[in-house]
Amino acid sequence: MQLTANLSMLFGEMPLAQRLGAARKAGFDAVEIQFPQDSDIAALQAAVAETGLPVVLINVPRGTGDEVGLPALPGREEDFRAAVAQCARQARALGVRKVNVLAGRPPANAAPADCRRALIANLRHAAGVMADIGVKVMVEPVNPHDVPGFFLTGLAPALSVLAEADHPNLFLQFDLYHMAITEPDLCAALAQAGPHIGHVQFADTPGRHEPGTGRIDFAAALAALRATGYADAIAAEYRPDGRTEDGLGWMAGFRKALT
C-alpha cells in the first residue's frame, strides 16, 4: 500500500506546495489534498515534478462559507456540476487518480427522500464525468459528531447509496477515524465494506491525532484491511499534536503492519 500524506492536515507549518518536499523527506509515498485552489495548481505541478510524489486524491469543491458538500442539497445541482467540472480540470492538471465527494449538510427543512435522490443523481453525474478522464470517484461517510447535520453518516447508509447509484466508477472512501466513531466493530465494518473500498484514510480517536494517541487498534484494523484485498493508498489525515515532523514516530510500526 502507498502510505500517503494529506497535505491539508499535515505539514501546515509551510506553504502548500512546499509540503510535498516535507512529505518526501518524512518517507511518504504519495500525497493527497482536500481542496486545492486553482491558484495552487502551477506550484503543485512543479512540486510533483521535483519530488516525484504523486497527488493521489483531491476533493470536489464543497461549496461556499461553511458548506461541507453540495450533492445532497436539492436545488443545488448546477452548483455541484460546476464544482465537478472544476475538480476534473484540477485532476487532469495534477494527474490525480481519485476524487472524493462530500455529501453535504442539507437545510433543516429539506426532506430526506429528496436529499437522497439528489445525492444519487449527482454521484452518477460525477462518476460519469470522471470516468471519461480515467479518475475514480469516492463518496465518504462522515461521523455526525464532527459534522452535525451531515447527510451521509455511517457505513450502512453509504453502502445503500452506492447500491442504488449502481455506477461502476463509484466507490467508498473508508476513513478509519470516522468509521471507528460510527461503527461498533471497526474490523467487521472493514470486512463488510471491503469490495466497495476505493480509498482509505486514518487518524486516531478521540482527538483525530496521530496513531497511538487514541483507542483504535491499528494493527487489527490494518490486518482486516489487508484481508479485504485492498492494496492502494492509505492516507494520514490527522491533526498533528504539535509540529508534524515531531509526531511521525508511528510510521515505522505502521509500515510494518501494512506488509
C-alpha atoms as a PDB file:
ATOM      1  CA  MET A   1       0.000   0.000   0.000  1.00  0.00           C
ATOM      2  CA  GLN A   2       1.078   3.596  -0.595  1.00  0.00           C
ATOM      3  CA  LEU A   3       1.491   5.495   2.674  1.00  0.00           C
ATOM      4  CA  THR A   4       0.068   8.891   1.766  1.00  0.00           C
ATOM      5  CA  ALA A   5       0.196  12.290   3.482  1.00  0.00           C
ATOM      6  CA  ASN A   6      -2.877  14.500   3.476  1.00  0.00           C
ATOM      7  CA  LEU A   7      -1.245  17.881   2.905  1.00  0.00           C
ATOM      8  CA  SER A   8      -4.330  19.804   4.023  1.00  0.00           C
ATOM      9  CA  MET A   9      -3.786  18.385   7.529  1.00  0.00           C
ATOM     10  CA  LEU A  10      -0.049  17.636   7.730  1.00  0.00           C
ATOM     11  CA  PHE A  11       2.944  19.963   7.415  1.00  0.00           C
ATOM     12  CA  GLY A  12       0.721  23.001   7.846  1.00  0.00           C
ATOM     13  CA  GLU A  13       3.711  24.971   9.084  1.00  0.00           C
ATOM     14  CA  MET A  14       4.707  25.702   5.467  1.00  0.00           C
ATOM     15  CA  PRO A  15       3.074  26.759   2.162  1.00  0.00           C
ATOM     16  CA  LEU A  16       1.087  24.036   0.408  1.00  0.00           C
ATOM     17  CA  ALA A  17       3.472  23.274  -2.471  1.00  0.00           C
ATOM     18  CA  GLN A  18       6.450  23.049  -0.094  1.00  0.00           C
ATOM     19  CA  ARG A  19       4.672  20.328   1.859  1.00  0.00           C
ATOM     20  CA  LEU A  20       5.420  17.791  -0.890  1.00  0.00           C
ATOM     21  CA  GLY A  21       9.130  18.090  -0.195  1.00  0.00           C
ATOM     22  CA  ALA A  22       8.499  17.680   3.524  1.00  0.00           C
ATOM     23  CA  ALA A  23       6.354  14.610   2.865  1.00  0.00           C
ATOM     24  CA  ARG A  24       9.074  13.048   0.719  1.00  0.00           C
ATOM     25  CA  LYS A  25      11.709  13.745   3.377  1.00  0.00           C
ATOM     26  CA  ALA A  26       9.473  12.156   6.010  1.00  0.00           C
ATOM     27  CA  GLY A  27       9.177   8.982   3.929  1.00  0.00           C
ATOM     28  CA  PHE A  28       5.664   9.178   2.476  1.00  0.00           C
ATOM     29  CA  ASP A  29       4.996   7.546  -0.893  1.00  0.00           C
ATOM     30  CA  ALA A  30       2.332   9.957  -2.151  1.00  0.00           C
ATOM     31  CA  VAL A  31       0.150  12.889  -1.118  1.00  0.00           C
ATOM     32  CA  GLU A  32      -3.470  13.989  -1.243  1.00  0.00           C
ATOM     33  CA  ILE A  33      -5.026  17.453  -0.907  1.00  0.00           C
ATOM     34  CA  GLN A  34      -8.546  18.176   0.250  1.00  0.00           C
ATOM     35  CA  PHE A  35      -9.487  21.312  -1.680  1.00  0.00           C
ATOM     36  CA  PRO A  36      -6.706  22.752  -3.854  1.00  0.00           C
ATOM     37  CA  GLN A  37      -7.383  26.169  -5.286  1.00  0.00           C
ATOM     38  CA  ASP A  38      -6.884  26.870  -8.978  1.00  0.00           C
ATOM     39  CA  SER A  39      -4.174  29.317  -7.957  1.00  0.00           C
ATOM     40  CA  ASP A  40      -2.242  26.426  -6.323  1.00  0.00           C
ATOM     41  CA  ILE A  41      -2.044  24.239  -9.411  1.00  0.00           C
ATOM     42  CA  ALA A  42       1.088  25.563 -11.111  1.00  0.00           C
ATOM     43  CA  ALA A  43       3.165  25.441  -7.909  1.00  0.00           C
ATOM     44  CA  LEU A  44       1.837  21.950  -7.140  1.00  0.00           C
ATOM     45  CA  GLN A  45       2.715  20.733 -10.632  1.00  0.00           C
ATOM     46  CA  ALA A  46       6.270  21.980 -10.133  1.00  0.00           C
ATOM     47  CA  ALA A  47       6.490  20.329  -6.710  1.00  0.00           C
ATOM     48  CA  VAL A  48       5.223  16.998  -8.089  1.00  0.00           C
ATOM     49  CA  ALA A  49       7.857  17.136 -10.822  1.00  0.00           C
ATOM     50  CA  GLU A  50      10.599  17.998  -8.328  1.00  0.00           C
ATOM     51  CA  THR A  51       9.728  15.454  -5.643  1.00  0.00           C
ATOM     52  CA  GLY A  52       8.326  12.616  -7.712  1.00  0.00           C
ATOM     53  CA  LEU A  53       5.444  12.251  -5.254  1.00  0.00           C
ATOM     54  CA  PRO A  54       2.083  11.738  -6.983  1.00  0.00           C
ATOM     55  CA  VAL A  55      -1.072  13.516  -5.881  1.00  0.00           C
ATOM     56  CA  VAL A  56      -3.411  10.560  -5.423  1.00  0.00           C
ATOM     57  CA  LEU A  57      -6.684  12.276  -4.474  1.00  0.00           C
ATOM     58  CA  ILE A  58      -8.422  15.639  -4.244  1.00  0.00           C
ATOM     59  CA  ASN A  59     -11.974  16.548  -3.232  1.00  0.00           C
ATOM     60  CA  VAL A  60     -14.749  18.019  -5.318  1.00  0.00           C
ATOM     61  CA  PRO A  61     -15.173  21.621  -4.046  1.00  0.00           C
ATOM     62  CA  ARG A  62     -17.533  21.674  -1.082  1.00  0.00           C
ATOM     63  CA  GLY A  63     -19.410  24.921  -1.733  1.00  0.00           C
ATOM     64  CA  THR A  64     -19.060  28.306  -0.077  1.00  0.00           C
ATOM     65  CA  GLY A  65     -18.835  29.527   3.502  1.00  0.00           C
ATOM     66  CA  ASP A  66     -19.393  26.692   5.955  1.00  0.00           C
ATOM     67  CA  GLU A  67     -20.845  24.316   3.374  1.00  0.00           C
ATOM     68  CA  VAL A  68     -19.476  20.775   3.548  1.00  0.00           C
ATOM     69  CA  GLY A  69     -20.584  19.469   0.169  1.00  0.00           C
ATOM     70  CA  LEU A  70     -23.321  20.048  -2.396  1.00  0.00           C
ATOM     71  CA  PRO A  71     -24.692  16.805  -3.885  1.00  0.00           C
ATOM     72  CA  ALA A  72     -27.291  16.057  -1.182  1.00  0.00           C
ATOM     73  CA  LEU A  73     -28.680  19.589  -1.350  1.00  0.00           C
ATOM     74  CA  PRO A  74     -31.830  19.631  -3.528  1.00  0.00           C
ATOM     75  CA  GLY A  75     -31.832  22.569  -5.920  1.00  0.00           C
ATOM     76  CA  ARG A  76     -28.029  22.929  -5.985  1.00  0.00           C
ATOM     77  CA  GLU A  77     -27.463  20.638  -8.957  1.00  0.00           C
ATOM     78  CA  GLU A  78     -25.957  23.333 -11.174  1.00  0.00           C
ATOM     79  CA  ASP A  79     -23.560  24.381  -8.429  1.00  0.00           C
ATOM     80  CA  PHE A  80     -22.478  20.771  -7.977  1.00  0.00           C
ATOM     81  CA  ARG A  81     -21.957  20.282 -11.709  1.00  0.00           C
ATOM     82  CA  ALA A  82     -19.764  23.387 -11.798  1.00  0.00           C
ATOM     83  CA  ALA A  83     -17.768  22.022  -8.843  1.00  0.00           C
ATOM     84  CA  VAL A  84     -17.308  18.683 -10.619  1.00  0.00           C
ATOM     85  CA  ALA A  85     -16.116  20.448 -13.769  1.00  0.00           C
ATOM     86  CA  GLN A  86     -13.589  22.461 -11.748  1.00  0.00           C
ATOM     87  CA  CYS A  87     -12.389  19.329  -9.976  1.00  0.00           C
ATOM     88  CA  ALA A  88     -11.993  17.493 -13.284  1.00  0.00           C
ATOM     89  CA  ARG A  89      -9.758  20.286 -14.602  1.00  0.00           C
ATOM     90  CA  GLN A  90      -7.651  20.135 -11.454  1.00  0.00           C
ATOM     91  CA  ALA A  91      -7.480  16.337 -11.549  1.00  0.00           C
ATOM     92  CA  ARG A  92      -6.193  16.382 -15.127  1.00  0.00           C
ATOM     93  CA  ALA A  93      -3.633  19.052 -14.325  1.00  0.00           C
ATOM     94  CA  LEU A  94      -2.291  17.206 -11.284  1.00  0.00           C
ATOM     95  CA  GLY A  95      -2.517  13.660 -12.630  1.00  0.00           C
ATOM     96  CA  VAL A  96      -4.904  12.674  -9.856  1.00  0.00           C
ATOM     97  CA  ARG A  97      -6.280   9.098  -9.845  1.00  0.00           C
ATOM     98  CA  LYS A  98      -9.213   9.649  -7.466  1.00  0.00           C
ATOM     99  CA  VAL A  99     -11.590  12.362  -6.308  1.00  0.00           C
ATOM    100  CA  ASN A 100     -13.747  12.387  -3.201  1.00  0.00           C
ATOM    101  CA  VAL A 101     -17.287  13.734  -2.922  1.00  0.00           C
ATOM    102  CA  LEU A 102     -18.670  15.049   0.369  1.00  0.00           C
ATOM    103  CA  ALA A 103     -22.453  14.664   0.526  1.00  0.00           C
ATOM    104  CA  GLY A 104     -23.087  17.896   2.405  1.00  0.00           C
ATOM    105  CA  ARG A 105     -25.331  19.249   5.138  1.00  0.00           C
ATOM    106  CA  PRO A 106     -28.845  19.878   3.759  1.00  0.00           C
ATOM    107  CA  PRO A 107     -31.088  22.637   5.130  1.00  0.00           C
ATOM    108  CA  ALA A 108     -33.118  21.591   8.160  1.00  0.00           C
ATOM    109  CA  ASN A 109     -36.355  21.795   6.165  1.00  0.00           C
ATOM    110  CA  ALA A 110     -35.146  19.554   3.310  1.00  0.00           C
ATOM    111  CA  ALA A 111     -36.973  16.215   3.001  1.00  0.00           C
ATOM    112  CA  PRO A 112     -34.532  13.300   3.461  1.00  0.00           C
ATOM    113  CA  ALA A 113     -36.001  11.462   0.458  1.00  0.00           C
ATOM    114  CA  ASP A 114     -35.345  14.499  -1.754  1.00  0.00           C
ATOM    115  CA  CYS A 115     -31.796  14.744  -0.411  1.00  0.00           C
ATOM    116  CA  ARG A 116     -31.147  11.089  -1.164  1.00  0.00           C
ATOM    117  CA  ARG A 117     -32.481  11.395  -4.713  1.00  0.00           C
ATOM    118  CA  ALA A 118     -30.322  14.461  -5.312  1.00  0.00           C
ATOM    119  CA  LEU A 119     -27.253  12.742  -3.879  1.00  0.00           C
ATOM    120  CA  ILE A 120     -27.648   9.644  -6.031  1.00  0.00           C
ATOM    121  CA  ALA A 121     -28.261  11.607  -9.230  1.00  0.00           C
ATOM    122  CA  ASN A 122     -25.297  13.876  -8.519  1.00  0.00           C
ATOM    123  CA  LEU A 123     -22.996  10.963  -7.694  1.00  0.00           C
ATOM    124  CA  ARG A 124     -23.899   9.324 -11.001  1.00  0.00           C
ATOM    125  CA  HIS A 125     -23.085  12.566 -12.783  1.00  0.00           C
ATOM    126  CA  ALA A 126     -19.702  12.907 -11.068  1.00  0.00           C
ATOM    127  CA  ALA A 127     -18.868   9.256 -11.695  1.00  0.00           C
ATOM    128  CA  GLY A 128     -19.631   9.655 -15.408  1.00  0.00           C
ATOM    129  CA  VAL A 129     -17.624  12.863 -15.828  1.00  0.00           C
ATOM    130  CA  MET A 130     -14.615  11.424 -14.026  1.00  0.00           C
ATOM    131  CA  ALA A 131     -14.802   8.074 -15.841  1.00  0.00           C
ATOM    132  CA  ASP A 132     -14.257   9.970 -19.086  1.00  0.00           C
ATOM    133  CA  ILE A 133     -10.848  11.129 -17.813  1.00  0.00           C
ATOM    134  CA  GLY A 134      -9.877   7.896 -16.035  1.00  0.00           C
ATOM    135  CA  VAL A 135     -10.464   9.146 -12.484  1.00  0.00           C
ATOM    136  CA  LYS A 136     -12.296   7.143  -9.803  1.00  0.00           C
ATOM    137  CA  VAL A 137     -14.976   8.775  -7.638  1.00  0.00           C
ATOM    138  CA  MET A 138     -15.266   8.210  -3.890  1.00  0.00           C
ATOM    139  CA  VAL A 139     -18.131   9.055  -1.573  1.00  0.00           C
ATOM    140  CA  GLU A 140     -17.291   9.408   2.122  1.00  0.00           C
ATOM    141  CA  PRO A 141     -19.495   8.848   5.167  1.00  0.00           C
ATOM    142  CA  VAL A 142     -18.600  11.316   7.941  1.00  0.00           C
ATOM    143  CA  ASN A 143     -19.369  10.957  11.626  1.00  0.00           C
ATOM    144  CA  PRO A 144     -22.158  13.238  12.900  1.00  0.00           C
ATOM    145  CA  HIS A 145     -20.238  14.412  15.952  1.00  0.00           C
ATOM    146  CA  ASP A 146     -17.577  16.226  13.954  1.00  0.00           C
ATOM    147  CA  VAL A 147     -20.048  17.488  11.334  1.00  0.00           C
ATOM    148  CA  PRO A 148     -23.562  17.777  12.814  1.00  0.00           C
ATOM    149  CA  GLY A 149     -26.255  17.604  10.151  1.00  0.00           C
ATOM    150  CA  PHE A 150     -24.067  15.829   7.583  1.00  0.00           C
ATOM    151  CA  PHE A 151     -26.316  13.782   5.317  1.00  0.00           C
ATOM    152  CA  LEU A 152     -24.264  10.604   4.903  1.00  0.00           C
ATOM    153  CA  THR A 153     -23.220   9.158   8.266  1.00  0.00           C
ATOM    154  CA  GLY A 154     -22.307   5.554   8.936  1.00  0.00           C
ATOM    155  CA  LEU A 155     -21.370   2.602   6.778  1.00  0.00           C
ATOM    156  CA  ALA A 156     -24.823   1.137   6.097  1.00  0.00           C
ATOM    157  CA  PRO A 157     -26.265   4.358   4.607  1.00  0.00           C
ATOM    158  CA  ALA A 158     -23.164   4.803   2.445  1.00  0.00           C
ATOM    159  CA  LEU A 159     -23.354   1.241   1.109  1.00  0.00           C
ATOM    160  CA  SER A 160     -27.076   1.708   0.445  1.00  0.00           C
ATOM    161  CA  VAL A 161     -26.373   4.829  -1.624  1.00  0.00           C
ATOM    162  CA  LEU A 162     -23.639   3.032  -3.576  1.00  0.00           C
ATOM    163  CA  ALA A 163     -26.005   0.152  -4.296  1.00  0.00           C
ATOM    164  CA  GLU A 164     -28.768   2.435  -5.554  1.00  0.00           C
ATOM    165  CA  ALA A 165     -26.430   4.636  -7.591  1.00  0.00           C
ATOM    166  CA  ASP A 166     -25.080   1.427  -9.157  1.00  0.00           C
ATOM    167  CA  HIS A 167     -22.252   3.021 -11.135  1.00  0.00           C
ATOM    168  CA  PRO A 168     -19.019   1.129 -11.939  1.00  0.00           C
ATOM    169  CA  ASN A 169     -16.908   4.238 -11.273  1.00  0.00           C
ATOM    170  CA  LEU A 170     -18.272   4.928  -7.804  1.00  0.00           C
ATOM    171  CA  PHE A 171     -16.525   3.695  -4.651  1.00  0.00           C
ATOM    172  CA  LEU A 172     -16.422   4.115  -0.876  1.00  0.00           C
ATOM    173  CA  GLN A 173     -13.905   6.305   0.901  1.00  0.00           C
ATOM    174  CA  PHE A 174     -13.329   4.459   4.173  1.00  0.00           C
ATOM    175  CA  ASP A 175     -11.854   6.705   6.867  1.00  0.00           C
ATOM    176  CA  LEU A 176     -10.831   4.635   9.890  1.00  0.00           C
ATOM    177  CA  TYR A 177     -11.369   7.685  12.105  1.00  0.00           C
ATOM    178  CA  HIS A 178     -14.973   8.312  11.084  1.00  0.00           C
ATOM    179  CA  MET A 179     -15.843   4.604  10.978  1.00  0.00           C
ATOM    180  CA  ALA A 180     -14.368   3.966  14.432  1.00  0.00           C
ATOM    181  CA  ILE A 181     -16.872   6.515  15.759  1.00  0.00           C
ATOM    182  CA  THR A 182     -19.986   5.355  13.890  1.00  0.00           C
ATOM    183  CA  GLU A 183     -19.447   1.574  13.746  1.00  0.00           C
ATOM    184  CA  PRO A 184     -19.490  -0.772  16.770  1.00  0.00           C
ATOM    185  CA  ASP A 185     -16.739  -3.026  15.325  1.00  0.00           C
ATOM    186  CA  LEU A 186     -14.180  -1.420  13.017  1.00  0.00           C
ATOM    187  CA  CYS A 187     -12.736  -4.704  11.734  1.00  0.00           C
ATOM    188  CA  ALA A 188     -16.209  -6.059  10.951  1.00  0.00           C
ATOM    189  CA  ALA A 189     -17.006  -2.811   9.138  1.00  0.00           C
ATOM    190  CA  LEU A 190     -13.886  -3.194   7.007  1.00  0.00           C
ATOM    191  CA  ALA A 191     -14.883  -6.735   6.090  1.00  0.00           C
ATOM    192  CA  GLN A 192     -18.403  -5.591   5.190  1.00  0.00           C
ATOM    193  CA  ALA A 193     -17.188  -2.653   3.105  1.00  0.00           C
ATOM    194  CA  GLY A 194     -14.273  -4.488   1.501  1.00  0.00           C
ATOM    195  CA  PRO A 195     -15.430  -4.901  -2.116  1.00  0.00           C
ATOM    196  CA  HIS A 196     -16.532  -1.266  -2.264  1.00  0.00           C
ATOM    197  CA  ILE A 197     -13.473   0.419  -0.730  1.00  0.00           C
ATOM    198  CA  GLY A 198     -11.682   2.681  -3.179  1.00  0.00           C
ATOM    199  CA  HIS A 199      -9.635   4.810  -0.776  1.00  0.00           C
ATOM    200  CA  VAL A 200      -8.625   4.705   2.892  1.00  0.00           C
ATOM    201  CA  GLN A 201      -7.712   7.423   5.381  1.00  0.00           C
ATOM    202  CA  PHE A 202      -6.844   7.299   9.059  1.00  0.00           C
ATOM    203  CA  ALA A 203      -6.464   9.195  12.306  1.00  0.00           C
ATOM    204  CA  ASP A 204      -6.840   8.036  15.886  1.00  0.00           C
ATOM    205  CA  THR A 205      -9.852   8.748  18.046  1.00  0.00           C
ATOM    206  CA  PRO A 206     -10.629  10.626  20.205  1.00  0.00           C
ATOM    207  CA  GLY A 207      -8.887  13.798  19.108  1.00  0.00           C
ATOM    208  CA  ARG A 208      -8.154  12.959  15.453  1.00  0.00           C
ATOM    209  CA  HIS A 209      -4.434  12.926  16.160  1.00  0.00           C
ATOM    210  CA  GLU A 210      -1.561  10.575  15.299  1.00  0.00           C
ATOM    211  CA  PRO A 211      -1.947   6.785  15.516  1.00  0.00           C
ATOM    212  CA  GLY A 212      -1.189   5.687  19.064  1.00  0.00           C
ATOM    213  CA  THR A 213      -2.797   8.724  20.703  1.00  0.00           C
ATOM    214  CA  GLY A 214      -6.263   7.169  20.999  1.00  0.00           C
ATOM    215  CA  ARG A 215      -8.134   3.897  21.173  1.00  0.00           C
ATOM    216  CA  ILE A 216      -8.009   2.476  17.617  1.00  0.00           C
ATOM    217  CA  ASP A 217      -6.192  -0.858  17.354  1.00  0.00           C
ATOM    218  CA  PHE A 218      -4.412  -0.066  14.108  1.00  0.00           C
ATOM    219  CA  ALA A 219      -2.644  -3.429  13.888  1.00  0.00           C
ATOM    220  CA  ALA A 220      -6.002  -5.209  13.910  1.00  0.00           C
ATOM    221  CA  ALA A 221      -7.600  -2.676  11.555  1.00  0.00           C
ATOM    222  CA  LEU A 222      -4.781  -2.913   9.028  1.00  0.00           C
ATOM    223  CA  ALA A 223      -4.902  -6.697   9.139  1.00  0.00           C
ATOM    224  CA  ALA A 224      -8.643  -6.512   8.435  1.00  0.00           C
ATOM    225  CA  LEU A 225      -7.983  -4.073   5.599  1.00  0.00           C
ATOM    226  CA  ARG A 226      -5.366  -6.368   4.046  1.00  0.00           C
ATOM    227  CA  ALA A 227      -7.839  -9.242   4.279  1.00  0.00           C
ATOM    228  CA  THR A 228     -10.244  -7.360   2.008  1.00  0.00           C
ATOM    229  CA  GLY A 229      -7.623  -7.352  -0.751  1.00  0.00           C
ATOM    230  CA  TYR A 230      -7.229  -3.577  -0.703  1.00  0.00           C
ATOM    231  CA  ALA A 231      -3.702  -2.648  -1.826  1.00  0.00           C
ATOM    232  CA  ASP A 232      -3.915   1.044  -2.758  1.00  0.00           C
ATOM    233  CA  ALA A 233      -3.264   4.361  -0.987  1.00  0.00           C
ATOM    234  CA  ILE A 234      -3.815   4.744   2.743  1.00  0.00           C
ATOM    235  CA  ALA A 235      -3.682   8.373   3.818  1.00  0.00           C
ATOM    236  CA  ALA A 236      -2.686  10.014   7.082  1.00  0.00           C
ATOM    237  CA  GLU A 237      -5.417  12.608   7.570  1.00  0.00           C
ATOM    238  CA  TYR A 238      -4.960  13.673  11.178  1.00  0.00           C
ATOM    239  CA  ARG A 239      -4.421  16.841  13.185  1.00  0.00           C
ATOM    240  CA  PRO A 240      -0.792  16.809  14.307  1.00  0.00           C
ATOM    241  CA  ASP A 241      -0.406  17.216  18.063  1.00  0.00           C
ATOM    242  CA  GLY A 242       2.408  19.724  17.542  1.00  0.00           C
ATOM    243  CA  ARG A 243       4.827  20.004  14.608  1.00  0.00           C
ATOM    244  CA  THR A 244       4.128  17.316  12.030  1.00  0.00           C
ATOM    245  CA  GLU A 245       7.758  16.176  11.895  1.00  0.00           C
ATOM    246  CA  ASP A 246       7.872  15.701  15.663  1.00  0.00           C
ATOM    247  CA  GLY A 247       4.934  13.304  15.647  1.00  0.00           C
ATOM    248  CA  LEU A 248       5.922  10.779  12.970  1.00  0.00           C
ATOM    249  CA  GLY A 249       7.126   8.061  15.318  1.00  0.00           C
ATOM    250  CA  TRP A 250       4.126   5.947  14.346  1.00  0.00           C
ATOM    251  CA  MET A 251       5.318   5.497  10.754  1.00  0.00           C
ATOM    252  CA  ALA A 252       7.785   2.611  11.211  1.00  0.00           C
ATOM    253  CA  GLY A 253       5.322   0.384  13.021  1.00  0.00           C
ATOM    254  CA  PHE A 254       2.536   1.376  10.656  1.00  0.00           C
ATOM    255  CA  ARG A 255       4.578   0.414   7.598  1.00  0.00           C
ATOM    256  CA  LYS A 256       5.389  -2.939   9.164  1.00  0.00           C
ATOM    257  CA  ALA A 257       1.681  -3.555   9.776  1.00  0.00           C
ATOM    258  CA  LEU A 258       0.891  -2.756   6.136  1.00  0.00           C
ATOM    259  CA  THR A 259       3.001  -5.656   4.846  1.00  0.00           C
END
